[in-house]
Amino acid sequence: MNVTIDRGGCIGCGQCAAACPAVFDMA
């Protein structure tokens, strides 16, 4: 599995970091 984020479209809601903090974080 390869996970990427298109940061240009991110709105910074933080849902991903809350759902899976081992993989996602808020910069």
mmCIF file of all heavy atoms, coordinates in Angstrom:
data_MODEL
# 
_entry.id   MODEL 
# 
loop_
_atom_site.group_PDB 
_atom_site.id 
_atom_site.type_symbol 
_atom_site.label_atom_id 
_atom_site.label_alt_id 
_atom_site.label_comp_id 
_atom_site.label_asym_id 
_atom_site.label_entity_id 
_atom_site.label_seq_id 
_atom_site.pdbx_PDB_ins_code 
_atom_site.Cartn_x 
_atom_site.Cartn_y 
_atom_site.Cartn_z 
_atom_site.occupancy 
_atom_site.B_iso_or_equiv 
_atom_site.pdbx_formal_charge 
_atom_site.auth_seq_id 
_atom_site.auth_comp_id 
_atom_site.auth_asym_id 
_atom_site.auth_atom_id 
_atom_site.pdbx_PDB_model_num 
ATOM 1   N N   . MET A 1 1  ? 0.840   -1.166 0.000  1.00 0.00 ? 1  MET A N   1 
ATOM 2   C CA  . MET A 1 1  ? 0.000   0.000  0.000  1.00 0.00 ? 1  MET A CA  1 
ATOM 3   C C   . MET A 1 1  ? 0.891   1.237  0.000  1.00 0.00 ? 1  MET A C   1 
ATOM 4   O O   . MET A 1 1  ? 1.846   1.320  0.761  1.00 0.00 ? 1  MET A O   1 
ATOM 5   C CB  . MET A 1 1  ? -0.912  -0.017 1.228  1.00 0.00 ? 1  MET A CB  1 
ATOM 6   C CG  . MET A 1 1  ? -1.678  1.269  1.445  1.00 0.00 ? 1  MET A CG  1 
ATOM 7   S SD  . MET A 1 1  ? -2.762  1.243  2.881  1.00 0.00 ? 1  MET A SD  1 
ATOM 8   C CE  . MET A 1 1  ? -4.227  0.567  2.136  1.00 0.00 ? 1  MET A CE  1 
ATOM 9   N N   . ASN A 1 2  ? 0.556   2.175  -0.868 1.00 0.00 ? 2  ASN A N   1 
ATOM 10  C CA  . ASN A 1 2  ? 1.257   3.448  -0.923 1.00 0.00 ? 2  ASN A CA  1 
ATOM 11  C C   . ASN A 1 2  ? 0.232   4.560  -0.741 1.00 0.00 ? 2  ASN A C   1 
ATOM 12  O O   . ASN A 1 2  ? -0.745  4.635  -1.476 1.00 0.00 ? 2  ASN A O   1 
ATOM 13  C CB  . ASN A 1 2  ? 1.990   3.607  -2.255 1.00 0.00 ? 2  ASN A CB  1 
ATOM 14  C CG  . ASN A 1 2  ? 2.785   4.881  -2.302 1.00 0.00 ? 2  ASN A CG  1 
ATOM 15  O OD1 . ASN A 1 2  ? 3.495   5.217  -1.371 1.00 0.00 ? 2  ASN A OD1 1 
ATOM 16  N ND2 . ASN A 1 2  ? 2.653   5.609  -3.387 1.00 0.00 ? 2  ASN A ND2 1 
ATOM 17  N N   . VAL A 1 3  ? 0.454   5.410  0.247  1.00 0.00 ? 3  VAL A N   1 
ATOM 18  C CA  . VAL A 1 3  ? -0.474  6.488  0.573  1.00 0.00 ? 3  VAL A CA  1 
ATOM 19  C C   . VAL A 1 3  ? 0.180   7.825  0.246  1.00 0.00 ? 3  VAL A C   1 
ATOM 20  O O   . VAL A 1 3  ? 1.330   8.071  0.626  1.00 0.00 ? 3  VAL A O   1 
ATOM 21  C CB  . VAL A 1 3  ? -0.857  6.447  2.067  1.00 0.00 ? 3  VAL A CB  1 
ATOM 22  C CG1 . VAL A 1 3  ? -1.797  7.580  2.419  1.00 0.00 ? 3  VAL A CG1 1 
ATOM 23  C CG2 . VAL A 1 3  ? -1.476  5.115  2.429  1.00 0.00 ? 3  VAL A CG2 1 
ATOM 24  N N   . THR A 1 4  ? -0.556  8.671  -0.468 1.00 0.00 ? 4  THR A N   1 
ATOM 25  C CA  . THR A 1 4  ? -0.095  10.031 -0.758 1.00 0.00 ? 4  THR A CA  1 
ATOM 26  C C   . THR A 1 4  ? -1.232  11.007 -0.500 1.00 0.00 ? 4  THR A C   1 
ATOM 27  O O   . THR A 1 4  ? -2.403  10.625 -0.456 1.00 0.00 ? 4  THR A O   1 
ATOM 28  C CB  . THR A 1 4  ? 0.363   10.175 -2.227 1.00 0.00 ? 4  THR A CB  1 
ATOM 29  O OG1 . THR A 1 4  ? -0.727  9.856  -3.091 1.00 0.00 ? 4  THR A OG1 1 
ATOM 30  C CG2 . THR A 1 4  ? 1.547   9.273  -2.533 1.00 0.00 ? 4  THR A CG2 1 
ATOM 31  N N   . ILE A 1 5  ? -0.860  12.275 -0.344 1.00 0.00 ? 5  ILE A N   1 
ATOM 32  C CA  . ILE A 1 5  ? -1.839  13.349 -0.164 1.00 0.00 ? 5  ILE A CA  1 
ATOM 33  C C   . ILE A 1 5  ? -1.538  14.434 -1.176 1.00 0.00 ? 5  ILE A C   1 
ATOM 34  O O   . ILE A 1 5  ? -0.387  14.871 -1.308 1.00 0.00 ? 5  ILE A O   1 
ATOM 35  C CB  . ILE A 1 5  ? -1.784  13.952 1.256  1.00 0.00 ? 5  ILE A CB  1 
ATOM 36  C CG1 . ILE A 1 5  ? -2.150  12.903 2.306  1.00 0.00 ? 5  ILE A CG1 1 
ATOM 37  C CG2 . ILE A 1 5  ? -2.729  15.157 1.360  1.00 0.00 ? 5  ILE A CG2 1 
ATOM 38  C CD1 . ILE A 1 5  ? -2.052  13.407 3.732  1.00 0.00 ? 5  ILE A CD1 1 
ATOM 39  N N   . ASP A 1 6  ? -2.567  14.895 -1.856 1.00 0.00 ? 6  ASP A N   1 
ATOM 40  C CA  . ASP A 1 6  ? -2.460  16.068 -2.716 1.00 0.00 ? 6  ASP A CA  1 
ATOM 41  C C   . ASP A 1 6  ? -2.643  17.275 -1.808 1.00 0.00 ? 6  ASP A C   1 
ATOM 42  O O   . ASP A 1 6  ? -3.759  17.738 -1.575 1.00 0.00 ? 6  ASP A O   1 
ATOM 43  C CB  . ASP A 1 6  ? -3.529  16.033 -3.807 1.00 0.00 ? 6  ASP A CB  1 
ATOM 44  C CG  . ASP A 1 6  ? -3.557  17.288 -4.643 1.00 0.00 ? 6  ASP A CG  1 
ATOM 45  O OD1 . ASP A 1 6  ? -2.643  18.134 -4.516 1.00 0.00 ? 6  ASP A OD1 1 
ATOM 46  O OD2 . ASP A 1 6  ? -4.517  17.445 -5.427 1.00 0.00 ? 6  ASP A OD2 1 
ATOM 47  N N   . ARG A 1 7  ? -1.545  17.748 -1.252 1.00 0.00 ? 7  ARG A N   1 
ATOM 48  C CA  . ARG A 1 7  ? -1.611  18.811 -0.257 1.00 0.00 ? 7  ARG A CA  1 
ATOM 49  C C   . ARG A 1 7  ? -2.189  20.107 -0.815 1.00 0.00 ? 7  ARG A C   1 
ATOM 50  O O   . ARG A 1 7  ? -2.716  20.927 -0.080 1.00 0.00 ? 7  ARG A O   1 
ATOM 51  C CB  . ARG A 1 7  ? -0.236  19.047 0.360  1.00 0.00 ? 7  ARG A CB  1 
ATOM 52  C CG  . ARG A 1 7  ? 0.231   17.814 1.140  1.00 0.00 ? 7  ARG A CG  1 
ATOM 53  C CD  . ARG A 1 7  ? 1.540   18.030 1.885  1.00 0.00 ? 7  ARG A CD  1 
ATOM 54  N NE  . ARG A 1 7  ? 1.239   18.741 3.129  1.00 0.00 ? 7  ARG A NE  1 
ATOM 55  C CZ  . ARG A 1 7  ? 1.785   19.903 3.475  1.00 0.00 ? 7  ARG A CZ  1 
ATOM 56  N NH1 . ARG A 1 7  ? 2.641   20.504 2.689  1.00 0.00 ? 7  ARG A NH1 1 
ATOM 57  N NH2 . ARG A 1 7  ? 1.469   20.472 4.615  1.00 0.00 ? 7  ARG A NH2 1 
ATOM 58  N N   . GLY A 1 8  ? -2.124  20.292 -2.136 1.00 0.00 ? 8  GLY A N   1 
ATOM 59  C CA  . GLY A 1 8  ? -2.681  21.484 -2.750 1.00 0.00 ? 8  GLY A CA  1 
ATOM 60  C C   . GLY A 1 8  ? -4.187  21.586 -2.598 1.00 0.00 ? 8  GLY A C   1 
ATOM 61  O O   . GLY A 1 8  ? -4.750  22.673 -2.631 1.00 0.00 ? 8  GLY A O   1 
ATOM 62  N N   . GLY A 1 9  ? -4.840  20.448 -2.395 1.00 0.00 ? 9  GLY A N   1 
ATOM 63  C CA  . GLY A 1 9  ? -6.283  20.441 -2.231 1.00 0.00 ? 9  GLY A CA  1 
ATOM 64  C C   . GLY A 1 9  ? -6.735  20.220 -0.798 1.00 0.00 ? 9  GLY A C   1 
ATOM 65  O O   . GLY A 1 9  ? -7.921  20.260 -0.499 1.00 0.00 ? 9  GLY A O   1 
ATOM 66  N N   . CYS A 1 10 ? -5.794  19.995 0.107  1.00 0.00 ? 10 CYS A N   1 
ATOM 67  C CA  . CYS A 1 10 ? -6.107  19.734 1.512  1.00 0.00 ? 10 CYS A CA  1 
ATOM 68  C C   . CYS A 1 10 ? -6.706  20.993 2.151  1.00 0.00 ? 10 CYS A C   1 
ATOM 69  O O   . CYS A 1 10 ? -6.225  22.099 1.932  1.00 0.00 ? 10 CYS A O   1 
ATOM 70  C CB  . CYS A 1 10 ? -4.840  19.315 2.247  1.00 0.00 ? 10 CYS A CB  1 
ATOM 71  S SG  . CYS A 1 10 ? -5.080  18.970 4.014  1.00 0.00 ? 10 CYS A SG  1 
ATOM 72  N N   . ILE A 1 11 ? -7.760  20.780 2.960  1.00 0.00 ? 11 ILE A N   1 
ATOM 73  C CA  . ILE A 1 11 ? -8.376  21.906 3.668  1.00 0.00 ? 11 ILE A CA  1 
ATOM 74  C C   . ILE A 1 11 ? -7.998  21.924 5.148  1.00 0.00 ? 11 ILE A C   1 
ATOM 75  O O   . ILE A 1 11 ? -8.466  22.766 5.907  1.00 0.00 ? 11 ILE A O   1 
ATOM 76  C CB  . ILE A 1 11 ? -9.906  21.902 3.501  1.00 0.00 ? 11 ILE A CB  1 
ATOM 77  C CG1 . ILE A 1 11 ? -10.515 20.605 4.043  1.00 0.00 ? 11 ILE A CG1 1 
ATOM 78  C CG2 . ILE A 1 11 ? -10.285 22.142 2.035  1.00 0.00 ? 11 ILE A CG2 1 
ATOM 79  C CD1 . ILE A 1 11 ? -12.050 20.605 4.107  1.00 0.00 ? 11 ILE A CD1 1 
ATOM 80  N N   . GLY A 1 12 ? -7.175  20.968 5.573  1.00 0.00 ? 12 GLY A N   1 
ATOM 81  C CA  . GLY A 1 12 ? -6.677  20.960 6.942  1.00 0.00 ? 12 GLY A CA  1 
ATOM 82  C C   . GLY A 1 12 ? -7.704  20.593 7.996  1.00 0.00 ? 12 GLY A C   1 
ATOM 83  O O   . GLY A 1 12 ? -7.602  21.040 9.128  1.00 0.00 ? 12 GLY A O   1 
ATOM 84  N N   . CYS A 1 13 ? -8.663  19.761 7.653  1.00 0.00 ? 13 CYS A N   1 
ATOM 85  C CA  . CYS A 1 13 ? -9.702  19.402 8.622  1.00 0.00 ? 13 CYS A CA  1 
ATOM 86  C C   . CYS A 1 13 ? -9.183  18.482 9.727  1.00 0.00 ? 13 CYS A C   1 
ATOM 87  O O   . CYS A 1 13 ? -9.745  18.437 10.809 1.00 0.00 ? 13 CYS A O   1 
ATOM 88  C CB  . CYS A 1 13 ? -10.910 18.784 7.929  1.00 0.00 ? 13 CYS A CB  1 
ATOM 89  S SG  . CYS A 1 13 ? -10.658 17.100 7.337  1.00 0.00 ? 13 CYS A SG  1 
ATOM 90  N N   . GLY A 1 14 ? -8.128  17.717 9.454  1.00 0.00 ? 14 GLY A N   1 
ATOM 91  C CA  . GLY A 1 14 ? -7.522  16.847 10.456 1.00 0.00 ? 14 GLY A CA  1 
ATOM 92  C C   . GLY A 1 14 ? -8.172  15.492 10.621 1.00 0.00 ? 14 GLY A C   1 
ATOM 93  O O   . GLY A 1 14 ? -7.769  14.708 11.481 1.00 0.00 ? 14 GLY A O   1 
ATOM 94  N N   . GLN A 1 15 ? -9.154  15.181 9.810  1.00 0.00 ? 15 GLN A N   1 
ATOM 95  C CA  . GLN A 1 15 ? -9.845  13.896 9.924  1.00 0.00 ? 15 GLN A CA  1 
ATOM 96  C C   . GLN A 1 15 ? -8.891  12.727 9.750  1.00 0.00 ? 15 GLN A C   1 
ATOM 97  O O   . GLN A 1 15 ? -8.974  11.745 10.473 1.00 0.00 ? 15 GLN A O   1 
ATOM 98  C CB  . GLN A 1 15 ? -11.000 13.839 8.920  1.00 0.00 ? 15 GLN A CB  1 
ATOM 99  C CG  . GLN A 1 15 ? -11.833 12.577 8.968  1.00 0.00 ? 15 GLN A CG  1 
ATOM 100 C CD  . GLN A 1 15 ? -11.232 11.399 8.202  1.00 0.00 ? 15 GLN A CD  1 
ATOM 101 O OE1 . GLN A 1 15 ? -10.469 11.573 7.260  1.00 0.00 ? 15 GLN A OE1 1 
ATOM 102 N NE2 . GLN A 1 15 ? -11.539 10.210 8.643  1.00 0.00 ? 15 GLN A NE2 1 
ATOM 103 N N   . CYS A 1 16 ? -7.987  12.827 8.802  1.00 0.00 ? 16 CYS A N   1 
ATOM 104 C CA  . CYS A 1 16 ? -7.062  11.717 8.538  1.00 0.00 ? 16 CYS A CA  1 
ATOM 105 C C   . CYS A 1 16 ? -6.127  11.477 9.724  1.00 0.00 ? 16 CYS A C   1 
ATOM 106 O O   . CYS A 1 16 ? -5.892  10.329 10.103 1.00 0.00 ? 16 CYS A O   1 
ATOM 107 C CB  . CYS A 1 16 ? -6.264  11.962 7.259  1.00 0.00 ? 16 CYS A CB  1 
ATOM 108 S SG  . CYS A 1 16 ? -5.310  13.494 7.248  1.00 0.00 ? 16 CYS A SG  1 
ATOM 109 N N   . ALA A 1 17 ? -5.620  12.551 10.303 1.00 0.00 ? 17 ALA A N   1 
ATOM 110 C CA  . ALA A 1 17 ? -4.728  12.422 11.458 1.00 0.00 ? 17 ALA A CA  1 
ATOM 111 C C   . ALA A 1 17 ? -5.458  11.839 12.659 1.00 0.00 ? 17 ALA A C   1 
ATOM 112 O O   . ALA A 1 17 ? -4.877  11.088 13.443 1.00 0.00 ? 17 ALA A O   1 
ATOM 113 C CB  . ALA A 1 17 ? -4.114  13.773 11.797 1.00 0.00 ? 17 ALA A CB  1 
ATOM 114 N N   . ALA A 1 18 ? -6.733  12.167 12.801 1.00 0.00 ? 18 ALA A N   1 
ATOM 115 C CA  . ALA A 1 18 ? -7.525  11.605 13.896 1.00 0.00 ? 18 ALA A CA  1 
ATOM 116 C C   . ALA A 1 18 ? -7.821  10.128 13.643 1.00 0.00 ? 18 ALA A C   1 
ATOM 117 O O   . ALA A 1 18 ? -7.803  9.330  14.573 1.00 0.00 ? 18 ALA A O   1 
ATOM 118 C CB  . ALA A 1 18 ? -8.831  12.387 14.052 1.00 0.00 ? 18 ALA A CB  1 
ATOM 119 N N   . ALA A 1 19 ? -8.078  9.763  12.392 1.00 0.00 ? 19 ALA A N   1 
ATOM 120 C CA  . ALA A 1 19 ? -8.431  8.383  12.052 1.00 0.00 ? 19 ALA A CA  1 
ATOM 121 C C   . ALA A 1 19 ? -7.235  7.439  12.088 1.00 0.00 ? 19 ALA A C   1 
ATOM 122 O O   . ALA A 1 19 ? -7.372  6.274  12.466 1.00 0.00 ? 19 ALA A O   1 
ATOM 123 C CB  . ALA A 1 19 ? -9.079  8.336  10.672 1.00 0.00 ? 19 ALA A CB  1 
ATOM 124 N N   . CYS A 1 20 ? -6.060  7.937  11.685 1.00 0.00 ? 20 CYS A N   1 
ATOM 125 C CA  . CYS A 1 20 ? -4.879  7.079  11.582 1.00 0.00 ? 20 CYS A CA  1 
ATOM 126 C C   . CYS A 1 20 ? -3.623  7.896  11.897 1.00 0.00 ? 20 CYS A C   1 
ATOM 127 O O   . CYS A 1 20 ? -2.839  8.224  10.999 1.00 0.00 ? 20 CYS A O   1 
ATOM 128 C CB  . CYS A 1 20 ? -4.817  6.465  10.186 1.00 0.00 ? 20 CYS A CB  1 
ATOM 129 S SG  . CYS A 1 20 ? -3.573  5.171  10.023 1.00 0.00 ? 20 CYS A SG  1 
ATOM 130 N N   . PRO A 1 21 ? -3.411  8.221  13.169 1.00 0.00 ? 21 PRO A N   1 
ATOM 131 C CA  . PRO A 1 21 ? -2.286  9.096  13.544 1.00 0.00 ? 21 PRO A CA  1 
ATOM 132 C C   . PRO A 1 21 ? -0.905  8.501  13.302 1.00 0.00 ? 21 PRO A C   1 
ATOM 133 O O   . PRO A 1 21 ? 0.079   9.246  13.241 1.00 0.00 ? 21 PRO A O   1 
ATOM 134 C CB  . PRO A 1 21 ? -2.522  9.368  15.029 1.00 0.00 ? 21 PRO A CB  1 
ATOM 135 C CG  . PRO A 1 21 ? -3.375  8.240  15.498 1.00 0.00 ? 21 PRO A CG  1 
ATOM 136 C CD  . PRO A 1 21 ? -4.217  7.836  14.313 1.00 0.00 ? 21 PRO A CD  1 
ATOM 137 N N   . ALA A 1 22 ? -0.811  7.200  13.134 1.00 0.00 ? 22 ALA A N   1 
ATOM 138 C CA  . ALA A 1 22 ? 0.485   6.587  12.850 1.00 0.00 ? 22 ALA A CA  1 
ATOM 139 C C   . ALA A 1 22 ? 0.954   6.902  11.432 1.00 0.00 ? 22 ALA A C   1 
ATOM 140 O O   . ALA A 1 22 ? 2.144   6.886  11.152 1.00 0.00 ? 22 ALA A O   1 
ATOM 141 C CB  . ALA A 1 22 ? 0.413   5.077  13.043 1.00 0.00 ? 22 ALA A CB  1 
ATOM 142 N N   . VAL A 1 23 ? 0.021   7.226  10.544 1.00 0.00 ? 23 VAL A N   1 
ATOM 143 C CA  . VAL A 1 23 ? 0.340   7.460  9.135  1.00 0.00 ? 23 VAL A CA  1 
ATOM 144 C C   . VAL A 1 23 ? 0.222   8.935  8.764  1.00 0.00 ? 23 VAL A C   1 
ATOM 145 O O   . VAL A 1 23 ? 1.020   9.448  7.989  1.00 0.00 ? 23 VAL A O   1 
ATOM 146 C CB  . VAL A 1 23 ? -0.569  6.597  8.226  1.00 0.00 ? 23 VAL A CB  1 
ATOM 147 C CG1 . VAL A 1 23 ? -0.346  6.915  6.750  1.00 0.00 ? 23 VAL A CG1 1 
ATOM 148 C CG2 . VAL A 1 23 ? -0.318  5.119  8.498  1.00 0.00 ? 23 VAL A CG2 1 
ATOM 149 N N   . PHE A 1 24 ? -0.765  9.623  9.343  1.00 0.00 ? 24 PHE A N   1 
ATOM 150 C CA  . PHE A 1 24 ? -1.028  11.022 8.993  1.00 0.00 ? 24 PHE A CA  1 
ATOM 151 C C   . PHE A 1 24 ? -0.784  11.944 10.177 1.00 0.00 ? 24 PHE A C   1 
ATOM 152 O O   . PHE A 1 24 ? -0.992  11.564 11.325 1.00 0.00 ? 24 PHE A O   1 
ATOM 153 C CB  . PHE A 1 24 ? -2.488  11.193 8.538  1.00 0.00 ? 24 PHE A CB  1 
ATOM 154 C CG  . PHE A 1 24 ? -2.876  10.306 7.401  1.00 0.00 ? 24 PHE A CG  1 
ATOM 155 C CD1 . PHE A 1 24 ? -3.556  9.121  7.618  1.00 0.00 ? 24 PHE A CD1 1 
ATOM 156 C CD2 . PHE A 1 24 ? -2.556  10.645 6.092  1.00 0.00 ? 24 PHE A CD2 1 
ATOM 157 C CE1 . PHE A 1 24 ? -3.913  8.287  6.569  1.00 0.00 ? 24 PHE A CE1 1 
ATOM 158 C CE2 . PHE A 1 24 ? -2.907  9.823  5.039  1.00 0.00 ? 24 PHE A CE2 1 
ATOM 159 C CZ  . PHE A 1 24 ? -3.585  8.638  5.277  1.00 0.00 ? 24 PHE A CZ  1 
ATOM 160 N N   . ASP A 1 25 ? -0.382  13.158 9.862  1.00 0.00 ? 25 ASP A N   1 
ATOM 161 C CA  . ASP A 1 25 ? -0.164  14.183 10.881 1.00 0.00 ? 25 ASP A CA  1 
ATOM 162 C C   . ASP A 1 25 ? -0.476  15.524 10.240 1.00 0.00 ? 25 ASP A C   1 
ATOM 163 O O   . ASP A 1 25 ? -0.525  15.648 9.011  1.00 0.00 ? 25 ASP A O   1 
ATOM 164 C CB  . ASP A 1 25 ? 1.296   14.136 11.350 1.00 0.00 ? 25 ASP A CB  1 
ATOM 165 C CG  . ASP A 1 25 ? 1.535   14.952 12.609 1.00 0.00 ? 25 ASP A CG  1 
ATOM 166 O OD1 . ASP A 1 25 ? 0.566   15.343 13.274 1.00 0.00 ? 25 ASP A OD1 1 
ATOM 167 O OD2 . ASP A 1 25 ? 2.711   15.190 12.932 1.00 0.00 ? 25 ASP A OD2 1 
ATOM 168 N N   . MET A 1 26 ? -0.668  16.516 11.066 1.00 0.00 ? 26 MET A N   1 
ATOM 169 C CA  . MET A 1 26 ? -0.883  17.864 10.569 1.00 0.00 ? 26 MET A CA  1 
ATOM 170 C C   . MET A 1 26 ? 0.453   18.603 10.625 1.00 0.00 ? 26 MET A C   1 
ATOM 171 O O   . MET A 1 26 ? 1.094   18.672 11.676 1.00 0.00 ? 26 MET A O   1 
ATOM 172 C CB  . MET A 1 26 ? -1.937  18.581 11.413 1.00 0.00 ? 26 MET A CB  1 
ATOM 173 C CG  . MET A 1 26 ? -3.295  17.864 11.433 1.00 0.00 ? 26 MET A CG  1 
ATOM 174 S SD  . MET A 1 26 ? -3.955  17.446 9.819  1.00 0.00 ? 26 MET A SD  1 
ATOM 175 C CE  . MET A 1 26 ? -4.382  19.060 9.213  1.00 0.00 ? 26 MET A CE  1 
ATOM 176 N N   . ALA A 1 27 ? 0.870   19.126 9.494  1.00 0.00 ? 27 ALA A N   1 
ATOM 177 C CA  . ALA A 1 27 ? 2.139   19.844 9.398  1.00 0.00 ? 27 ALA A CA  1 
ATOM 178 C C   . ALA A 1 27 ? 1.994   21.240 10.006 1.00 0.00 ? 27 ALA A C   1 
ATOM 179 O O   . ALA A 1 27 ? 0.881   21.704 10.301 1.00 0.00 ? 27 ALA A O   1 
ATOM 180 C CB  . ALA A 1 27 ? 2.563   19.948 7.933  1.00 0.00 ? 27 ALA A CB  1 
# 
